[in-house]
Amino acid sequence: MFAEFEDLLKQTMGLDAASVGAAAIERAVQQRLAACGLRDADAYLERVLASTDERQELIEAVHPCPRRGFSAIARRSRRSRGWFTKSGCQRTRPACCTC
């Protein structure tokens, strides 16, 4: 079952499961299952495929980044379009360039 998540992460972010270990991906999926109140990995896979926000949550659970706070702000601003210029270009910049 977790092979589908490994494939999704490979397609989405180029993550090779061997680089973080299959166990890390399984832990991240289990963590997100619990956070979503789901018990079935198939149902969670459907949610991840349908929701870009949940896909991002899974990515961050597998590969935490020090910019996580920035990522949340950027997602919120994209939803509200609050940080866009008149030309439509986003003007946010990462506060940290470590990842």
N, C-alpha and C. Protein backbone atom coordinates (compact mmCIF):
# COMPACT_ATOMS: atom_id res chain seq x y z
N MET A 1 0.82 -1.20 0.00
CA MET A 1 0.00 0.00 0.00
C MET A 1 0.86 1.26 0.00
N PHE A 2 1.92 1.27 0.75
CA PHE A 2 2.72 2.49 0.86
C PHE A 2 3.52 2.77 -0.41
N ALA A 3 3.58 1.80 -1.31
CA ALA A 3 4.27 2.02 -2.58
C ALA A 3 3.60 3.13 -3.38
N GLU A 4 2.27 3.24 -3.28
CA GLU A 4 1.57 4.32 -3.98
C GLU A 4 2.00 5.68 -3.45
N PHE A 5 2.20 5.78 -2.13
CA PHE A 5 2.66 7.04 -1.55
C PHE A 5 4.09 7.32 -1.97
N GLU A 6 4.93 6.28 -2.04
CA GLU A 6 6.30 6.46 -2.50
C GLU A 6 6.31 6.98 -3.94
N ASP A 7 5.47 6.39 -4.79
CA ASP A 7 5.38 6.85 -6.18
C ASP A 7 4.89 8.29 -6.27
N LEU A 8 3.89 8.63 -5.47
CA LEU A 8 3.35 9.99 -5.46
C LEU A 8 4.42 11.00 -5.06
N LEU A 9 5.18 10.67 -4.01
CA LEU A 9 6.23 11.58 -3.55
C LEU A 9 7.35 11.69 -4.60
N LYS A 10 7.61 10.61 -5.30
CA LYS A 10 8.62 10.65 -6.37
C LYS A 10 8.15 11.57 -7.49
N GLN A 11 6.88 11.45 -7.88
CA GLN A 11 6.33 12.29 -8.96
C GLN A 11 6.20 13.74 -8.53
N THR A 12 5.79 13.96 -7.29
CA THR A 12 5.51 15.31 -6.81
C THR A 12 6.76 16.11 -6.52
N MET A 13 7.70 15.47 -5.81
CA MET A 13 8.86 16.24 -5.38
C MET A 13 10.20 15.59 -5.73
N GLY A 14 10.14 14.48 -6.48
CA GLY A 14 11.38 13.82 -6.89
C GLY A 14 12.05 13.05 -5.77
N LEU A 15 11.30 12.73 -4.72
CA LEU A 15 11.87 12.05 -3.56
C LEU A 15 12.02 10.57 -3.83
N ASP A 16 13.23 10.07 -3.71
CA ASP A 16 13.47 8.64 -3.82
C ASP A 16 13.28 8.05 -2.42
N ALA A 17 12.39 7.08 -2.30
CA ALA A 17 12.06 6.49 -1.00
C ALA A 17 13.30 5.96 -0.29
N ALA A 18 14.27 5.49 -1.06
CA ALA A 18 15.49 4.96 -0.46
C ALA A 18 16.28 6.04 0.27
N SER A 19 16.13 7.29 -0.14
CA SER A 19 16.90 8.37 0.49
C SER A 19 16.41 8.68 1.90
N VAL A 20 15.14 8.49 2.16
CA VAL A 20 14.61 8.74 3.52
C VAL A 20 14.22 7.45 4.21
N GLY A 21 14.05 6.39 3.43
CA GLY A 21 13.64 5.11 3.97
C GLY A 21 12.14 4.93 3.90
N ALA A 22 11.73 3.74 3.53
CA ALA A 22 10.31 3.44 3.42
C ALA A 22 9.62 3.59 4.76
N ALA A 23 10.32 3.30 5.85
CA ALA A 23 9.73 3.43 7.19
C ALA A 23 9.37 4.89 7.49
N ALA A 24 10.17 5.82 7.03
CA ALA A 24 9.88 7.25 7.26
C ALA A 24 8.60 7.66 6.52
N ILE A 25 8.43 7.14 5.32
CA ILE A 25 7.21 7.45 4.56
C ILE A 25 6.01 6.81 5.24
N GLU A 26 6.16 5.58 5.69
CA GLU A 26 5.06 4.91 6.39
C GLU A 26 4.67 5.67 7.65
N ARG A 27 5.67 6.13 8.42
CA ARG A 27 5.39 6.91 9.64
C ARG A 27 4.66 8.20 9.31
N ALA A 28 5.08 8.87 8.24
CA ALA A 28 4.45 10.12 7.85
C ALA A 28 3.00 9.89 7.44
N VAL A 29 2.75 8.82 6.70
CA VAL A 29 1.38 8.51 6.29
C VAL A 29 0.53 8.20 7.52
N GLN A 30 1.07 7.40 8.44
CA GLN A 30 0.33 7.08 9.67
C GLN A 30 0.03 8.34 10.48
N GLN A 31 1.00 9.23 10.55
CA GLN A 31 0.81 10.50 11.27
C GLN A 31 -0.31 11.32 10.62
N ARG A 32 -0.29 11.42 9.30
CA ARG A 32 -1.31 12.20 8.60
C ARG A 32 -2.68 11.52 8.65
N LEU A 33 -2.70 10.18 8.64
CA LEU A 33 -3.96 9.45 8.81
C LEU A 33 -4.61 9.85 10.13
N ALA A 34 -3.81 9.84 11.19
CA ALA A 34 -4.33 10.21 12.51
C ALA A 34 -4.78 11.66 12.53
N ALA A 35 -4.00 12.55 11.93
CA ALA A 35 -4.35 13.97 11.93
C ALA A 35 -5.65 14.23 11.18
N CYS A 36 -5.92 13.42 10.17
CA CYS A 36 -7.14 13.58 9.37
C CYS A 36 -8.32 12.78 9.94
N GLY A 37 -8.05 11.99 10.96
CA GLY A 37 -9.11 11.18 11.55
C GLY A 37 -9.53 10.01 10.67
N LEU A 38 -8.60 9.54 9.85
CA LEU A 38 -8.88 8.42 8.95
C LEU A 38 -8.18 7.17 9.46
N ARG A 39 -8.72 6.01 9.10
CA ARG A 39 -8.10 4.75 9.48
C ARG A 39 -7.59 3.97 8.28
N ASP A 40 -8.11 4.30 7.12
CA ASP A 40 -7.83 3.54 5.92
C ASP A 40 -6.84 4.30 5.03
N ALA A 41 -5.72 3.67 4.71
CA ALA A 41 -4.71 4.32 3.87
C ALA A 41 -5.23 4.60 2.46
N ASP A 42 -6.13 3.75 1.96
CA ASP A 42 -6.70 4.01 0.63
C ASP A 42 -7.52 5.30 0.61
N ALA A 43 -8.30 5.51 1.68
CA ALA A 43 -9.09 6.74 1.77
C ALA A 43 -8.16 7.95 1.89
N TYR A 44 -7.06 7.79 2.62
CA TYR A 44 -6.12 8.90 2.74
C TYR A 44 -5.44 9.18 1.40
N LEU A 45 -5.11 8.13 0.65
CA LEU A 45 -4.51 8.34 -0.66
C LEU A 45 -5.44 9.14 -1.56
N GLU A 46 -6.72 8.82 -1.52
CA GLU A 46 -7.70 9.59 -2.30
C GLU A 46 -7.70 11.06 -1.88
N ARG A 47 -7.63 11.30 -0.57
CA ARG A 47 -7.61 12.67 -0.06
C ARG A 47 -6.36 13.41 -0.54
N VAL A 48 -5.22 12.74 -0.48
CA VAL A 48 -3.97 13.36 -0.91
C VAL A 48 -4.01 13.69 -2.40
N LEU A 49 -4.57 12.79 -3.18
CA LEU A 49 -4.66 13.03 -4.63
C LEU A 49 -5.62 14.17 -4.96
N ALA A 50 -6.62 14.38 -4.12
CA ALA A 50 -7.63 15.42 -4.37
C ALA A 50 -7.27 16.77 -3.78
N SER A 51 -6.39 16.80 -2.79
CA SER A 51 -6.12 18.04 -2.07
C SER A 51 -4.64 18.41 -2.13
N THR A 52 -4.34 19.55 -2.75
CA THR A 52 -2.94 20.00 -2.78
C THR A 52 -2.45 20.38 -1.40
N ASP A 53 -3.33 20.91 -0.56
CA ASP A 53 -2.92 21.25 0.80
C ASP A 53 -2.54 20.00 1.59
N GLU A 54 -3.32 18.93 1.46
CA GLU A 54 -3.00 17.70 2.18
C GLU A 54 -1.74 17.05 1.61
N ARG A 55 -1.56 17.16 0.30
CA ARG A 55 -0.34 16.65 -0.31
C ARG A 55 0.87 17.37 0.28
N GLN A 56 0.75 18.68 0.45
CA GLN A 56 1.85 19.46 1.04
C GLN A 56 2.08 19.05 2.49
N GLU A 57 1.01 18.78 3.23
CA GLU A 57 1.16 18.32 4.61
C GLU A 57 1.92 17.00 4.66
N LEU A 58 1.61 16.09 3.74
CA LEU A 58 2.32 14.81 3.69
C LEU A 58 3.79 15.02 3.36
N ILE A 59 4.06 15.87 2.38
CA ILE A 59 5.44 16.16 2.00
C ILE A 59 6.21 16.69 3.19
N GLU A 60 5.61 17.62 3.93
CA GLU A 60 6.29 18.19 5.09
C GLU A 60 6.44 17.19 6.22
N ALA A 61 5.53 16.22 6.31
CA ALA A 61 5.66 15.18 7.33
C ALA A 61 6.81 14.23 6.98
N VAL A 62 7.02 14.00 5.68
CA VAL A 62 8.11 13.12 5.24
C VAL A 62 9.43 13.85 5.29
N HIS A 63 9.43 15.09 4.84
CA HIS A 63 10.67 15.86 4.70
C HIS A 63 10.50 17.22 5.37
N PRO A 64 10.62 17.28 6.71
CA PRO A 64 10.42 18.55 7.40
C PRO A 64 11.43 19.60 6.94
N CYS A 65 10.97 20.80 6.89
CA CYS A 65 11.81 21.91 6.45
C CYS A 65 11.75 23.03 7.48
N PRO A 66 12.86 23.68 7.77
CA PRO A 66 12.82 24.78 8.73
C PRO A 66 11.93 25.93 8.30
N ARG A 67 11.56 25.96 7.00
CA ARG A 67 10.69 27.03 6.51
C ARG A 67 9.22 26.67 6.66
N ARG A 68 8.88 25.65 7.46
CA ARG A 68 7.50 25.20 7.57
C ARG A 68 6.56 26.36 7.90
N GLY A 69 6.97 27.22 8.80
CA GLY A 69 6.13 28.37 9.13
C GLY A 69 5.92 29.26 7.92
N PHE A 70 6.96 29.47 7.15
CA PHE A 70 6.83 30.26 5.93
C PHE A 70 5.88 29.58 4.95
N SER A 71 5.97 28.24 4.85
CA SER A 71 5.09 27.51 3.93
C SER A 71 3.63 27.73 4.28
N ALA A 72 3.33 27.71 5.56
CA ALA A 72 1.94 27.93 5.99
C ALA A 72 1.48 29.34 5.63
N ILE A 73 2.34 30.32 5.82
CA ILE A 73 2.00 31.70 5.49
C ILE A 73 1.80 31.83 3.98
N ALA A 74 2.68 31.20 3.20
CA ALA A 74 2.57 31.29 1.74
C ALA A 74 1.27 30.64 1.26
N ARG A 75 0.91 29.48 1.84
CA ARG A 75 -0.35 28.83 1.44
C ARG A 75 -1.54 29.72 1.77
N ARG A 76 -1.52 30.31 2.95
CA ARG A 76 -2.62 31.17 3.37
C ARG A 76 -2.71 32.39 2.44
N SER A 77 -1.58 32.94 2.07
CA SER A 77 -1.61 34.13 1.21
C SER A 77 -2.09 33.77 -0.20
N ARG A 78 -1.74 32.57 -0.67
CA ARG A 78 -2.23 32.17 -1.99
C ARG A 78 -3.75 32.04 -1.98
N ARG A 79 -4.29 31.54 -0.86
CA ARG A 79 -5.74 31.40 -0.76
C ARG A 79 -6.42 32.76 -0.73
N SER A 80 -5.86 33.68 0.05
CA SER A 80 -6.51 34.98 0.20
C SER A 80 -6.09 35.98 -0.87
N ARG A 81 -5.03 35.64 -1.60
CA ARG A 81 -4.45 36.52 -2.61
C ARG A 81 -4.06 37.86 -2.01
N GLY A 82 -3.76 37.84 -0.72
CA GLY A 82 -3.44 39.07 -0.01
C GLY A 82 -2.06 39.62 -0.29
N TRP A 83 -1.15 38.79 -0.75
CA TRP A 83 0.21 39.25 -0.96
C TRP A 83 0.57 39.31 -2.43
N PHE A 84 -0.34 39.67 -3.26
CA PHE A 84 -0.06 39.76 -4.69
C PHE A 84 -0.02 41.22 -5.11
N THR A 85 0.79 41.48 -6.09
CA THR A 85 0.87 42.83 -6.62
C THR A 85 -0.21 42.99 -7.68
N LYS A 86 -0.33 44.18 -8.24
CA LYS A 86 -1.32 44.42 -9.28
C LYS A 86 -1.05 43.56 -10.52
N SER A 87 0.19 43.23 -10.75
CA SER A 87 0.52 42.41 -11.93
C SER A 87 0.23 40.93 -11.69
N GLY A 88 -0.08 40.56 -10.44
CA GLY A 88 -0.41 39.17 -10.14
C GLY A 88 0.76 38.34 -9.67
N CYS A 89 1.93 38.94 -9.59
CA CYS A 89 3.10 38.19 -9.14
C CYS A 89 3.17 38.19 -7.62
N GLN A 90 3.52 37.04 -7.09
CA GLN A 90 3.63 36.95 -5.63
C GLN A 90 4.92 37.60 -5.18
N ARG A 91 4.86 38.34 -4.09
CA ARG A 91 6.02 39.09 -3.62
C ARG A 91 6.59 38.52 -2.33
N THR A 92 6.24 37.30 -1.95
CA THR A 92 6.79 36.72 -0.73
C THR A 92 8.18 36.14 -1.01
N ARG A 93 9.02 36.18 -0.03
CA ARG A 93 10.37 35.63 -0.11
C ARG A 93 10.60 34.75 1.11
N PRO A 94 11.32 33.64 0.94
CA PRO A 94 11.61 32.79 2.10
C PRO A 94 12.50 33.53 3.10
N ALA A 95 12.21 33.31 4.36
CA ALA A 95 13.02 33.94 5.41
C ALA A 95 14.29 33.15 5.65
N CYS A 96 14.33 31.91 5.16
CA CYS A 96 15.46 31.03 5.41
C CYS A 96 15.80 30.31 4.11
N CYS A 97 17.03 30.23 3.79
CA CYS A 97 17.42 29.56 2.54
C CYS A 97 18.19 28.28 2.81
N THR A 98 17.91 27.62 3.93
CA THR A 98 18.65 26.42 4.28
C THR A 98 18.16 25.17 3.58
N CYS A 99 16.96 25.23 2.99
CA CYS A 99 16.50 24.01 2.31
C CYS A 99 16.21 24.25 0.85
